[in-house]
Amino acid sequence: MKANGIEVIVGAAVLLVAIFFLGFAYKSSQWQHNTGYTIEANFDRVDGLSTGSDVRVNGVKVGHVGQIRLDASDYVAHVTIALNSEVKIPTDSIAEVASDGLLGSKYMSITPGNKDSVISPGGTISRTRPATGLDSLISKFLFNKGESDGKKAADQTH
């Protein structure tokens, strides 16, 4: 009888741990319920952006990337953005693919415009900026560093 009691306790502990891990997996997954509306944005490049990535306005999460698809006729990436219902995006806003730090994950950043008119559900953000790749950032850093060093040397000789 004593062995059966221990087995029941161990079984209950294993069950509680399994429930804990399932809850953790659900909470940390990219699955999100959409209670708002969707808009679209078209990009030349969406390097590193994926379905479920955050959509942020001024650093505050306001939605997620619902879908990314490639138009086979013109090779443009069409991104569907799911936004919270209380967020209204002005028509002159800019959408861009940004990064959390140098090697961080990608997210969609929306810089709100100044117009009073807003993008209606199913509408499109017309102004976009593509993702900047790590290789182009490094080359830009090296190129600009070389220019500033050259200017310093030229200024010191004159």
Foldseek 3Di string as FASTA:
>chain_A
DVVVVVVVVVVVVVVVVVVVVVVVCVVPDLDDDFPAFKEKEKALAAPQADFSAFEDEPRHGFWTWHDWDADPVPRIIMIITGGHHVDWAQQQKEWEWDADPLPGGIHIYIYGDDDPHTADGHYYNHHYDYDDDSVNVVVVVVVVVVVVVVVVVVVVVD
